[in-house]
Structure formats: structure tokens, C-alpha cells
N, C-alpha and C. Protein backbone atom coordinates (compact mmCIF):
# COMPACT_ATOMS: atom_id res chain seq x y z
N MET A 1 77.07 -27.29 -159.21
CA MET A 1 76.40 -26.89 -157.83
C MET A 1 75.94 -25.38 -158.28
N MET A 2 77.06 -24.65 -158.96
CA MET A 2 76.75 -22.98 -159.20
C MET A 2 76.36 -22.69 -160.11
N ARG A 3 76.16 -24.02 -161.40
CA ARG A 3 75.52 -23.93 -162.53
C ARG A 3 73.77 -23.95 -162.42
N SER A 4 73.54 -25.11 -161.45
CA SER A 4 72.00 -25.41 -161.06
C SER A 4 71.61 -23.94 -160.45
N LEU A 5 72.37 -23.41 -159.70
CA LEU A 5 71.90 -22.48 -159.03
C LEU A 5 71.82 -21.20 -159.82
N PHE A 6 72.72 -20.72 -160.68
CA PHE A 6 72.27 -20.05 -161.62
C PHE A 6 70.72 -20.08 -162.42
N LEU A 7 70.69 -21.57 -163.04
CA LEU A 7 69.50 -21.85 -163.28
C LEU A 7 68.49 -21.65 -162.98
N ILE A 8 68.31 -21.54 -161.65
CA ILE A 8 67.07 -21.54 -160.38
C ILE A 8 66.79 -20.13 -160.83
N LEU A 9 68.29 -19.22 -160.33
CA LEU A 9 67.73 -17.84 -160.21
C LEU A 9 66.98 -17.49 -161.53
N THR A 10 67.75 -17.53 -162.92
CA THR A 10 67.44 -16.96 -164.15
C THR A 10 65.83 -17.55 -164.31
N ALA A 11 65.55 -18.74 -163.77
CA ALA A 11 63.76 -19.22 -164.06
C ALA A 11 63.01 -18.33 -163.25
N ILE A 12 64.03 -18.08 -162.10
CA ILE A 12 62.84 -17.14 -161.03
C ILE A 12 62.68 -15.82 -161.65
N LEU A 13 64.01 -15.38 -162.00
CA LEU A 13 63.73 -14.08 -162.76
C LEU A 13 62.71 -13.86 -164.01
N CYS A 14 62.94 -14.98 -164.76
CA CYS A 14 61.90 -14.78 -165.87
C CYS A 14 60.21 -15.05 -165.40
N ILE A 15 60.21 -15.97 -164.44
CA ILE A 15 58.58 -15.93 -163.83
C ILE A 15 58.59 -14.40 -163.31
N SER A 16 59.34 -13.92 -162.43
CA SER A 16 58.93 -12.92 -161.83
C SER A 16 58.54 -11.84 -162.80
N SER A 17 59.61 -11.57 -163.77
CA SER A 17 58.86 -10.63 -164.85
C SER A 17 58.36 -10.61 -165.49
N THR A 18 57.54 -11.55 -165.73
CA THR A 18 56.26 -11.63 -166.73
C THR A 18 55.10 -11.39 -165.87
N ASN A 19 54.03 -10.64 -165.93
CA ASN A 19 53.16 -10.22 -165.23
C ASN A 19 51.89 -11.03 -165.55
N VAL A 20 51.85 -12.30 -165.62
CA VAL A 20 50.74 -13.34 -166.07
C VAL A 20 49.95 -13.67 -164.52
N SER A 21 49.00 -13.09 -164.78
CA SER A 21 47.77 -13.63 -163.72
C SER A 21 47.23 -15.02 -164.11
N ALA A 22 47.04 -15.91 -162.83
CA ALA A 22 46.91 -17.16 -163.18
C ALA A 22 45.22 -17.41 -163.12
N PHE A 23 44.85 -18.56 -163.06
CA PHE A 23 42.97 -18.28 -163.34
C PHE A 23 42.30 -17.80 -162.26
N SER A 24 43.17 -17.85 -160.65
CA SER A 24 42.44 -17.48 -159.62
C SER A 24 42.48 -15.60 -159.47
N THR A 25 41.69 -15.14 -158.85
CA THR A 25 41.64 -13.65 -158.68
C THR A 25 42.64 -13.50 -157.11
N SER A 26 42.41 -14.28 -156.63
CA SER A 26 42.65 -13.78 -154.86
C SER A 26 44.30 -14.61 -154.92
N ARG A 27 45.24 -13.88 -154.65
CA ARG A 27 46.57 -14.39 -154.41
C ARG A 27 47.50 -13.65 -153.33
N SER A 28 48.23 -14.22 -152.72
CA SER A 28 49.05 -13.66 -151.78
C SER A 28 50.68 -13.88 -152.17
N SER A 29 51.24 -12.83 -152.04
CA SER A 29 52.39 -12.74 -152.54
C SER A 29 53.72 -12.56 -151.85
N ALA A 30 54.65 -12.87 -151.78
CA ALA A 30 56.00 -12.63 -150.96
C ALA A 30 57.17 -12.06 -151.75
N ARG A 31 57.79 -11.30 -151.34
CA ARG A 31 59.19 -10.78 -152.14
C ARG A 31 60.52 -10.91 -151.02
N ILE A 32 61.17 -11.53 -151.88
CA ILE A 32 62.69 -11.50 -151.67
C ILE A 32 63.80 -10.77 -152.11
N HIS A 33 64.10 -9.88 -151.10
CA HIS A 33 65.38 -8.64 -151.81
C HIS A 33 66.71 -9.25 -151.34
N THR A 34 67.23 -9.24 -152.50
CA THR A 34 68.78 -9.52 -152.65
C THR A 34 69.61 -8.56 -152.92
N ALA A 35 70.91 -8.45 -152.86
CA ALA A 35 71.71 -7.36 -152.97
C ALA A 35 71.54 -6.63 -154.56
N GLN A 36 71.13 -7.71 -155.42
CA GLN A 36 70.90 -7.15 -157.19
C GLN A 36 69.85 -6.81 -157.08
N THR A 37 68.92 -7.88 -156.91
CA THR A 37 67.47 -7.77 -157.90
C THR A 37 66.57 -7.87 -156.52
N THR A 38 65.31 -7.59 -156.87
CA THR A 38 64.03 -8.22 -156.06
C THR A 38 63.13 -9.22 -156.79
N TYR A 39 63.02 -10.39 -156.17
CA TYR A 39 62.30 -11.72 -156.56
C TYR A 39 61.10 -11.29 -155.93
N SER A 40 59.99 -12.04 -157.00
CA SER A 40 58.62 -12.14 -156.02
C SER A 40 58.01 -13.40 -156.67
N PHE A 41 57.35 -14.00 -155.65
CA PHE A 41 56.91 -15.38 -155.84
C PHE A 41 55.40 -15.09 -155.45
N THR A 42 54.63 -15.43 -156.22
CA THR A 42 52.51 -16.00 -156.19
C THR A 42 52.64 -16.95 -155.82
N ARG A 43 51.83 -17.48 -154.76
CA ARG A 43 51.33 -18.46 -154.46
C ARG A 43 49.31 -18.21 -154.67
N LEU A 44 49.02 -19.46 -155.10
CA LEU A 44 47.61 -19.08 -155.57
C LEU A 44 46.96 -19.90 -154.42
N GLN A 45 45.80 -19.38 -153.99
CA GLN A 45 44.98 -19.79 -152.88
C GLN A 45 43.73 -20.41 -153.64
N THR A 46 43.54 -21.94 -152.93
CA THR A 46 42.40 -22.60 -153.11
C THR A 46 41.18 -22.25 -152.50
N THR A 47 40.04 -22.40 -153.16
CA THR A 47 38.82 -22.12 -152.77
C THR A 47 38.00 -23.28 -152.51
N THR A 48 37.00 -23.52 -151.56
CA THR A 48 36.01 -24.68 -151.57
C THR A 48 34.75 -24.36 -152.39
N PRO A 49 34.64 -25.41 -153.29
CA PRO A 49 33.29 -25.35 -153.85
C PRO A 49 32.02 -25.17 -153.06
N SER A 50 31.33 -23.91 -153.67
CA SER A 50 30.01 -23.56 -152.94
C SER A 50 28.77 -24.90 -152.77
N SER A 51 27.66 -24.78 -151.92
CA SER A 51 26.78 -25.51 -151.66
C SER A 51 26.13 -25.39 -152.72
N THR A 52 25.94 -24.28 -153.13
CA THR A 52 24.71 -24.33 -154.18
C THR A 52 24.61 -25.02 -155.39
N ALA A 53 25.80 -25.30 -156.01
CA ALA A 53 25.94 -26.64 -156.97
C ALA A 53 24.74 -27.90 -156.64
N LEU A 54 24.86 -28.11 -155.51
CA LEU A 54 24.17 -29.23 -155.04
C LEU A 54 22.79 -29.26 -154.44
N PHE A 55 22.58 -27.74 -154.42
CA PHE A 55 20.99 -27.51 -154.11
C PHE A 55 19.98 -27.65 -155.16
N GLY A 56 20.57 -27.50 -156.47
CA GLY A 56 19.40 -27.89 -157.42
C GLY A 56 19.44 -29.20 -157.53
N LYS A 57 20.21 -30.33 -157.28
CA LYS A 57 20.17 -31.65 -157.23
C LYS A 57 18.98 -32.01 -156.45
N LYS A 58 19.29 -31.41 -155.22
CA LYS A 58 18.32 -32.10 -154.09
C LYS A 58 16.73 -31.45 -154.39
N GLU A 59 16.66 -30.32 -154.74
CA GLU A 59 15.45 -29.99 -155.12
C GLU A 59 14.80 -30.72 -156.23
N ALA A 60 15.40 -31.31 -157.29
CA ALA A 60 15.15 -32.32 -158.23
C ALA A 60 15.11 -33.39 -157.61
N ARG A 61 15.50 -33.77 -156.83
CA ARG A 61 15.26 -35.17 -156.11
C ARG A 61 13.95 -35.14 -155.26
N ALA A 62 13.75 -34.14 -154.61
CA ALA A 62 12.67 -34.28 -153.84
C ALA A 62 11.41 -33.72 -154.85
N GLN A 63 11.44 -33.35 -156.12
CA GLN A 63 10.40 -33.48 -156.90
C GLN A 63 9.86 -34.58 -157.57
N GLY A 64 10.97 -35.55 -158.02
CA GLY A 64 10.80 -36.95 -158.48
C GLY A 64 10.28 -37.54 -156.99
N ASN A 65 10.42 -37.48 -155.84
CA ASN A 65 10.02 -38.26 -154.66
C ASN A 65 8.75 -37.64 -154.74
N GLU A 66 7.99 -36.71 -154.94
CA GLU A 66 6.83 -36.19 -154.47
C GLU A 66 5.76 -36.95 -156.07
N ARG A 67 6.61 -37.06 -157.19
CA ARG A 67 5.74 -37.61 -158.09
C ARG A 67 5.71 -38.79 -157.84
N LYS A 68 6.53 -39.80 -157.37
CA LYS A 68 6.48 -41.06 -157.13
C LYS A 68 5.11 -41.61 -156.40
N ASN A 69 5.12 -40.37 -155.25
CA ASN A 69 4.06 -40.71 -154.14
C ASN A 69 2.83 -40.44 -154.39
N ARG A 70 2.23 -39.71 -155.59
CA ARG A 70 1.18 -39.69 -156.12
C ARG A 70 0.47 -40.66 -156.55
N THR A 71 -1.16 -40.81 -156.22
CA THR A 71 -2.20 -41.84 -156.24
C THR A 71 -2.88 -41.80 -157.39
N GLU A 72 -2.78 -40.25 -157.90
CA GLU A 72 -3.84 -40.57 -158.99
C GLU A 72 -3.14 -40.80 -160.25
N ARG A 73 -3.73 -41.29 -161.34
CA ARG A 73 -2.73 -41.67 -162.60
C ARG A 73 -2.84 -40.44 -163.46
N VAL A 74 -1.27 -39.97 -163.74
CA VAL A 74 -1.13 -38.85 -164.61
C VAL A 74 -0.83 -39.41 -165.88
N LYS A 75 -1.31 -39.36 -167.00
CA LYS A 75 -0.83 -39.75 -168.26
C LYS A 75 -0.35 -38.75 -169.08
N LYS A 76 0.63 -38.80 -170.13
CA LYS A 76 0.83 -37.87 -170.92
C LYS A 76 -0.17 -37.74 -172.34
N VAL A 77 -0.34 -36.63 -172.54
CA VAL A 77 -1.33 -36.65 -173.66
C VAL A 77 -0.88 -36.63 -175.04
N LYS A 78 -1.60 -37.52 -175.75
CA LYS A 78 -1.25 -37.78 -177.14
C LYS A 78 -2.10 -36.85 -178.14
N ASP A 79 -1.98 -36.59 -179.37
CA ASP A 79 -2.51 -35.69 -180.05
C ASP A 79 -3.31 -36.50 -181.20
N ASP A 80 -2.46 -37.62 -181.63
CA ASP A 80 -3.30 -38.29 -182.77
C ASP A 80 -3.97 -39.54 -182.21
N VAL A 81 -4.38 -39.88 -180.86
CA VAL A 81 -5.12 -40.72 -180.70
C VAL A 81 -6.61 -40.30 -180.22
N ILE A 82 -7.47 -41.18 -180.01
CA ILE A 82 -8.66 -40.98 -179.69
C ILE A 82 -9.06 -41.92 -178.47
N GLU A 83 -9.34 -41.72 -176.95
CA GLU A 83 -9.01 -42.37 -176.18
C GLU A 83 -10.60 -42.45 -175.67
N VAL A 84 -11.22 -43.63 -175.65
CA VAL A 84 -12.46 -43.78 -175.31
C VAL A 84 -12.56 -45.06 -174.34
N GLU A 85 -13.78 -45.08 -173.46
CA GLU A 85 -14.20 -45.98 -172.43
C GLU A 85 -15.02 -47.24 -172.95
N GLY A 86 -14.67 -48.34 -172.60
CA GLY A 86 -15.76 -49.69 -173.64
C GLY A 86 -15.49 -50.58 -172.36
N SER A 87 -16.41 -52.10 -172.83
CA SER A 87 -15.90 -53.14 -172.27
C SER A 87 -15.61 -54.30 -172.82
N VAL A 88 -15.03 -55.41 -172.54
CA VAL A 88 -14.60 -56.21 -173.44
C VAL A 88 -15.75 -57.24 -173.25
N ILE A 89 -16.08 -57.90 -174.69
CA ILE A 89 -17.00 -58.58 -174.86
C ILE A 89 -16.76 -60.18 -175.45
N GLU A 90 -15.53 -60.25 -175.91
CA GLU A 90 -14.80 -61.69 -176.52
C GLU A 90 -13.59 -61.60 -176.17
N SER A 91 -12.87 -62.41 -175.87
CA SER A 91 -11.13 -62.79 -175.73
C SER A 91 -10.92 -63.54 -176.77
N LEU A 92 -9.86 -63.38 -177.77
CA LEU A 92 -9.41 -63.74 -178.72
C LEU A 92 -7.99 -64.33 -178.55
N PRO A 93 -7.45 -65.27 -179.44
CA PRO A 93 -6.02 -65.56 -179.24
C PRO A 93 -5.29 -64.53 -179.61
N ASN A 94 -3.73 -64.43 -179.18
CA ASN A 94 -2.86 -63.27 -179.26
C ASN A 94 -3.00 -62.13 -178.51
N ALA A 95 -3.54 -62.26 -177.74
CA ALA A 95 -3.80 -60.84 -176.78
C ALA A 95 -4.88 -59.76 -177.20
N MET A 96 -5.77 -60.36 -178.27
CA MET A 96 -6.97 -59.76 -178.82
C MET A 96 -8.05 -59.95 -178.07
N PHE A 97 -8.98 -58.50 -178.12
CA PHE A 97 -10.19 -58.72 -177.49
C PHE A 97 -10.89 -57.71 -178.50
N ARG A 98 -12.30 -58.29 -178.15
CA ARG A 98 -13.51 -57.64 -179.22
C ARG A 98 -14.01 -56.92 -178.19
N CYS A 99 -14.24 -55.24 -178.03
CA CYS A 99 -14.32 -54.48 -177.19
C CYS A 99 -15.85 -53.52 -177.62
N THR A 100 -16.95 -53.58 -177.22
CA THR A 100 -17.50 -52.25 -177.05
C THR A 100 -17.36 -51.08 -176.66
N ILE A 101 -17.72 -49.57 -177.56
CA ILE A 101 -17.37 -48.65 -176.77
C ILE A 101 -18.72 -48.09 -176.13
N ASP A 102 -18.42 -47.51 -175.24
CA ASP A 102 -19.90 -47.20 -174.20
C ASP A 102 -20.55 -45.59 -174.78
N GLY A 103 -21.70 -46.09 -174.74
CA GLY A 103 -22.30 -44.57 -175.48
C GLY A 103 -22.69 -44.78 -176.87
N ALA A 104 -21.76 -45.70 -177.64
CA ALA A 104 -21.96 -46.18 -178.96
C ALA A 104 -23.37 -47.08 -179.38
N PRO A 105 -23.75 -46.45 -180.35
CA PRO A 105 -24.99 -46.98 -180.76
C PRO A 105 -24.81 -48.56 -181.09
N ASP A 106 -26.01 -49.06 -180.77
CA ASP A 106 -26.15 -50.74 -181.15
C ASP A 106 -25.51 -51.56 -182.60
N THR A 107 -25.83 -50.26 -183.57
CA THR A 107 -24.94 -50.88 -184.61
C THR A 107 -23.84 -50.70 -184.95
N GLN A 108 -23.20 -50.05 -184.19
CA GLN A 108 -21.76 -49.85 -184.35
C GLN A 108 -20.92 -51.36 -184.12
N GLU A 109 -20.21 -51.83 -184.96
CA GLU A 109 -19.34 -52.69 -184.96
C GLU A 109 -18.46 -53.11 -183.87
N PRO A 110 -17.90 -54.08 -182.81
CA PRO A 110 -17.07 -53.85 -182.11
C PRO A 110 -15.88 -53.40 -182.51
N VAL A 111 -15.09 -53.04 -181.51
CA VAL A 111 -13.69 -52.71 -181.82
C VAL A 111 -12.66 -53.89 -181.50
N LEU A 112 -11.58 -54.13 -182.36
CA LEU A 112 -10.73 -55.18 -182.29
C LEU A 112 -9.42 -54.52 -181.56
N ALA A 113 -9.13 -55.02 -180.41
CA ALA A 113 -8.21 -54.45 -179.48
C ALA A 113 -7.08 -55.30 -179.05
N THR A 114 -5.92 -54.68 -178.79
CA THR A 114 -4.69 -55.37 -178.48
C THR A 114 -4.34 -54.53 -177.33
N ILE A 115 -3.46 -55.69 -176.47
CA ILE A 115 -3.28 -54.80 -175.28
C ILE A 115 -1.68 -54.37 -175.60
N SER A 116 -1.64 -53.04 -174.44
CA SER A 116 -0.62 -51.94 -174.86
C SER A 116 0.62 -52.94 -173.83
N GLY A 117 1.88 -52.38 -174.40
CA GLY A 117 2.96 -52.82 -174.10
C GLY A 117 3.29 -52.98 -172.44
N LYS A 118 2.86 -51.94 -171.46
CA LYS A 118 2.78 -51.67 -170.11
C LYS A 118 2.27 -52.56 -169.57
N ILE A 119 0.68 -52.82 -170.01
CA ILE A 119 -0.27 -53.92 -169.49
C ILE A 119 0.28 -55.32 -169.76
N ARG A 120 1.18 -55.33 -171.10
CA ARG A 120 1.23 -56.88 -171.12
C ARG A 120 2.66 -57.02 -170.37
N LYS A 121 3.67 -56.41 -170.10
CA LYS A 121 4.74 -56.37 -169.08
C LYS A 121 4.30 -56.59 -167.77
N ASN A 122 3.17 -55.90 -167.35
CA ASN A 122 2.98 -55.78 -165.94
C ASN A 122 2.47 -57.21 -165.65
N TYR A 123 1.74 -57.89 -166.66
CA TYR A 123 1.11 -59.29 -166.56
C TYR A 123 -0.39 -59.17 -166.04
N VAL A 124 -0.92 -57.77 -166.66
CA VAL A 124 -2.46 -57.57 -166.29
C VAL A 124 -3.09 -58.26 -167.09
N LYS A 125 -4.23 -59.33 -166.34
CA LYS A 125 -4.90 -60.11 -166.80
C LYS A 125 -6.01 -59.34 -167.16
N ILE A 126 -6.72 -59.24 -168.51
CA ILE A 126 -8.28 -58.99 -168.92
C ILE A 126 -8.95 -59.98 -169.05
N LEU A 127 -10.05 -59.88 -168.46
CA LEU A 127 -11.14 -60.77 -168.86
C LEU A 127 -12.21 -60.29 -169.41
N VAL A 128 -13.51 -61.30 -169.95
CA VAL A 128 -14.43 -60.82 -170.44
C VAL A 128 -15.38 -60.07 -169.44
N GLY A 129 -15.92 -59.01 -169.93
CA GLY A 129 -16.55 -58.08 -168.96
C GLY A 129 -16.10 -56.99 -168.34
N ASP A 130 -14.66 -56.94 -168.56
CA ASP A 130 -13.87 -55.57 -167.18
C ASP A 130 -13.99 -54.51 -168.39
N ARG A 131 -14.14 -53.31 -167.47
CA ARG A 131 -14.13 -52.01 -168.16
C ARG A 131 -12.93 -51.61 -168.83
N VAL A 132 -12.45 -50.94 -169.74
CA VAL A 132 -11.18 -51.00 -170.05
C VAL A 132 -11.16 -49.69 -170.74
N THR A 133 -10.15 -48.91 -170.65
CA THR A 133 -9.55 -47.46 -171.63
C THR A 133 -8.85 -47.96 -172.72
N ILE A 134 -9.73 -47.43 -174.19
CA ILE A 134 -8.99 -48.04 -175.31
C ILE A 134 -8.58 -46.70 -175.97
N GLU A 135 -7.23 -46.69 -176.65
CA GLU A 135 -7.14 -45.46 -177.69
C GLU A 135 -7.37 -46.30 -179.11
N LEU A 136 -7.79 -45.23 -179.82
CA LEU A 136 -8.55 -45.56 -181.21
C LEU A 136 -7.42 -44.72 -182.03
N SER A 137 -7.10 -45.61 -182.95
CA SER A 137 -6.09 -44.95 -184.26
C SER A 137 -7.10 -44.01 -185.07
N PRO A 138 -6.77 -42.48 -185.03
CA PRO A 138 -7.66 -41.97 -186.19
C PRO A 138 -7.47 -42.61 -187.34
N TYR A 139 -7.05 -43.13 -187.74
CA TYR A 139 -6.89 -43.87 -189.18
C TYR A 139 -7.74 -45.34 -189.36
N ASP A 140 -7.86 -46.12 -188.41
CA ASP A 140 -8.51 -46.94 -188.48
C ASP A 140 -9.46 -47.11 -187.34
N LEU A 141 -11.00 -46.32 -187.36
CA LEU A 141 -11.66 -46.46 -185.85
C LEU A 141 -12.24 -48.00 -185.82
N THR A 142 -11.65 -48.77 -186.33
CA THR A 142 -11.96 -50.45 -185.61
C THR A 142 -11.03 -51.05 -185.00
N ARG A 143 -10.20 -50.36 -184.96
CA ARG A 143 -9.10 -51.14 -184.08
C ARG A 143 -8.44 -50.03 -183.35
N GLY A 144 -7.81 -50.75 -181.74
CA GLY A 144 -7.29 -50.16 -181.19
C GLY A 144 -6.40 -50.50 -180.10
N ARG A 145 -6.19 -49.86 -178.88
CA ARG A 145 -5.18 -50.62 -177.82
C ARG A 145 -5.68 -50.37 -176.57
N ILE A 146 -5.78 -51.32 -175.73
CA ILE A 146 -6.43 -51.41 -174.25
C ILE A 146 -5.05 -50.78 -173.29
N THR A 147 -4.98 -49.70 -172.83
CA THR A 147 -4.09 -48.96 -172.14
C THR A 147 -4.65 -49.16 -170.64
N PHE A 148 -5.61 -49.44 -170.21
CA PHE A 148 -5.85 -49.68 -168.85
C PHE A 148 -7.36 -50.28 -168.84
N ARG A 149 -7.12 -51.05 -167.49
CA ARG A 149 -8.10 -51.90 -166.93
C ARG A 149 -8.72 -51.53 -165.69
N LYS A 150 -10.07 -51.22 -165.79
CA LYS A 150 -10.78 -50.49 -164.57
C LYS A 150 -10.87 -51.63 -163.63
N ARG A 151 -10.55 -51.27 -162.25
CA ARG A 151 -11.06 -52.48 -161.19
C ARG A 151 -12.58 -52.51 -161.08
């Protein structure tokens, strides 16, 4: 009993003799005075998290909802493709189509176009005579990708 009391008192003495500040700046301290030495105990106060950390998330979420409610078609601009308007003149197997480009001379051969992934994923049906948007590769202007079907 006496030995454990001695160990506790020496531990308190060691802790109080070191002036190590913890991670918090606000502390309340209490001092105990005995006949031989003065012991001081430090109690850390906890702080509640501020609401500013959540404000940015709410703002970003609101911007996302605004983006979803837009009605116009917004597309990322690609540098290496040529986007043209055209119409489908022939349907071929394996989701391939022959398309003519609007405003092109009659001597120009039709473009062989395939369906893009989003149109394929959403099961958009493309028929002969439909007006479509075609992305042409700058490397081969006779092949393209149908990216949008006009209504």
C-alpha cells in the first residue's frame, strides 16, 4: 500500500516537473498543496468541430444538383476530332452506317460511321434518314463515330 502510494506520488512529481504542453492551447489547471511539495494537474479541454468543414461539401453538392437539372447538352471539347452534322443514308451490319456530311459537295464519298459507346449503352435506335452528329478522326476522314441523334 505504501509502496503504490509512493509510486503514484513520484509519477505525479515527474509529470508536473516537465513543462510539456499538449496538443491543445486551452487548458485549465488545478494545484494541490501538501506539506512538502506543490503538485499541479492539467486537464485538457475538448473543442467541438466547426461547421465550416461541412459548408464546402454542401456547396459542392448544390453545384452538382444544378448541373443535373440543366436541359441543354453540355459536352467536353476534344482537340483531336472534327465534329460535323450529317444524315444516315444506309444501315450496315455491326452497328455501322453510311452517312453524308451536310454542306459537302456531291462528289465526296459518304462517311462510314459507327455508334459511340453512350448511344450503344442507352439503346438509342438510329434509322435511315436520321440527322446525326459525327466525330471524324483527323487521320482518316472517311471514318467516324456517331455521337448524337437529332430528334
